[in-house]
Structure formats: C-alpha cells, structure tokens
C-alpha cells in the first residue's frame, strides 16, 4: 500500500488546497469568512477522504 502523500490524487488535491488558500486571501471581507472558509473546509475534507480511502481494506468483488 502506497503512502497517501505519494498518490497523484493527493498531490493534486493538496496543490488545489494551497491554491484556494492563496486565492481566498484576496477575497473581499464579506466573502472571506463565509465563502472562503467553506471552500477551504471542502477541499480539506477531500484530502481527508483520500487518506481514509487509502487506509481502508479493499472490498471483495461480488
């Protein structure tokens, strides 16, 4: 089993997360803490799901 940090989908998701953090810095104040935080949370949840999926055992085919 590969480390999650070496997976291509994780690397792409992490780059996406960094881009969101960089872009939300320039949001207007009224959107920074509403829309910006939702975007950050959703992208972070994506990375957490990738880590969980990598650790789970493969399911048997039917």
Protein backbone atom coordinates (compact mmCIF):
# COMPACT_ATOMS: atom_id res chain seq x y z
CA UNK A 1 0.00 0.00 0.00
CA UNK A 2 1.42 3.37 -1.01
CA UNK A 3 1.64 6.30 1.34
CA UNK A 4 -1.24 8.69 0.78
CA UNK A 5 1.18 11.59 0.37
CA UNK A 6 2.68 9.85 -2.68
CA UNK A 7 -0.62 9.37 -4.51
CA UNK A 8 -1.19 11.55 -7.55
CA UNK A 9 -4.75 12.36 -6.47
CA UNK A 10 -3.48 13.54 -3.07
CA UNK A 11 -0.77 15.69 -4.61
CA UNK A 12 -3.28 17.29 -6.99
CA UNK A 13 -5.74 17.85 -4.15
CA UNK A 14 -3.04 19.38 -1.97
CA UNK A 15 -1.99 21.74 -4.75
CA UNK A 16 -5.66 22.67 -5.15
CA UNK A 17 -5.93 23.36 -1.41
CA UNK A 18 -2.89 25.64 -1.50
CA UNK A 19 -4.33 27.50 -4.48
CA UNK A 20 -7.61 28.03 -2.62
CA UNK A 21 -5.73 29.43 0.38
CA UNK A 22 -3.79 31.80 -1.87
CA UNK A 23 -6.88 32.97 -3.77
CA UNK A 24 -9.09 33.49 -0.71
CA UNK A 25 -6.54 35.92 0.76
CA UNK A 26 -7.72 38.45 -1.82
CA UNK A 27 -11.46 37.93 -1.27
CA UNK A 28 -13.48 40.91 -0.09
CA UNK A 29 -14.04 40.89 3.65
CA UNK A 30 -17.73 39.91 3.46
CA UNK A 31 -16.83 36.75 1.48
CA UNK A 32 -13.54 35.82 3.10
CA UNK A 33 -15.09 34.29 6.20
CA UNK A 34 -18.19 32.80 4.63
CA UNK A 35 -17.46 31.54 1.13
CA UNK A 36 -13.69 31.35 1.65
CA UNK A 37 -13.98 29.18 4.75
CA UNK A 38 -16.47 26.86 3.07
CA UNK A 39 -14.10 26.40 0.13
CA UNK A 40 -11.17 25.65 2.44
CA UNK A 41 -13.20 23.20 4.50
CA UNK A 42 -14.50 21.34 1.45
CA UNK A 43 -11.05 20.94 -0.09
CA UNK A 44 -9.59 19.80 3.22
CA UNK A 45 -12.39 17.23 3.57
CA UNK A 46 -11.43 15.92 0.14
CA UNK A 47 -7.85 15.29 1.26
CA UNK A 48 -9.04 13.60 4.44
CA UNK A 49 -11.28 11.30 2.37
CA UNK A 50 -8.32 10.37 0.16
CA UNK A 51 -6.30 9.42 3.24
CA UNK A 52 -9.16 7.34 4.67
CA UNK A 53 -9.77 5.57 1.36
CA UNK A 54 -6.08 4.70 1.08
CA UNK A 55 -6.08 3.13 4.56
CA UNK A 56 -9.28 1.11 4.08
CA UNK A 57 -9.12 -2.53 3.12
CA UNK A 58 -10.17 -3.41 -0.43
CA UNK A 59 -13.64 -4.88 -0.70
CA UNK A 60 -14.15 -8.35 -2.12
CA UNK A 61 -15.71 -8.44 -5.58
CA UNK A 62 -19.28 -9.76 -5.72
